[in-house]
Amino acid sequence: MGIGDALITRDGYKEVAITTLTFGAGGIACAWAALSISPWFWIGAVPLLVAWMFVLSFFRDPPRTIPADPGLMVSPADGKITEIARLDDGWPGIDEPVLKISIFLSVFNVHVNRAPCDGRVLSTQYERGEFLDVRHPESGMRNERNSITIDPDADYGPIIVRQIAGLIARRIVCHVDTGSQLHRGERFGMIKFGSRTDLIVPASSGLEPAVKLNDIVKGGATILMRPGFATKSEG
């Protein structure tokens, strides 16, 4: 199973509690009235129960089986691969060409972020910004975002995980800071409602993408990068 298995992420306890006491309780009451008094109460029950179930689904945190082979980078998020690119100009904090993989998270995906590898957090950098749709080509540089630089236990040089807020997302959650030790697949935060997560590694690391564009990946379970030639594999 995964690291610290849970059903609902701790970052959603407040939202889940509020919606359970309002939408959930109201929907159940209306459903009881529809069955006991009049079918017309379904008009109120259905939207309330749907809204409640959506919130429960958004904050779900299913267990994951974490790949154990050495040298792998697992996906830091659930979603669809929207970009795989080599950037010869490098990246802030990585003074050489890099490989970048971007993952789009819809509102229906699990939004918990997980560490791609074992390593120590060198720094975190939160930057305020706009809330463009994360599929916009400039969203990575203009949107609100948080960059986590990690020194992997494997000798790959620093890597960066970026949490990028989207059109709907309005809050980035990150529980790690400089000096934190992470384990592959470990939960470290989330982005609330529709977002993007990037993984950026030095091109000299020898890591190659193990996924292709439009692949659906699972945080902590899907192998995103591996040493050598690219082959797709999911946990």
Foldseek 3Di string as FASTA:
>chain_A
DADPFDFFDPVLPVVLVVLCVPLVVQLVVLVVCCVPPNVVSVVSNVVSVVVNVLSSQQRTDGGADFDDDPFFFAFQAWAFWADWDWDQCADVVGRGIKIKIKGWDASRGHFWTAGRAWFFWAFKDWDDAPAAAQSPPCQVPGFTKMKTWTCHPPNFGIKIKMWGHHNPWDDWFFQDGGGDTHHQLHTGTGIHHITMMMIMGHPVSQKDAQDDGGDTAHRSFWGGIGHDDHHGDGD
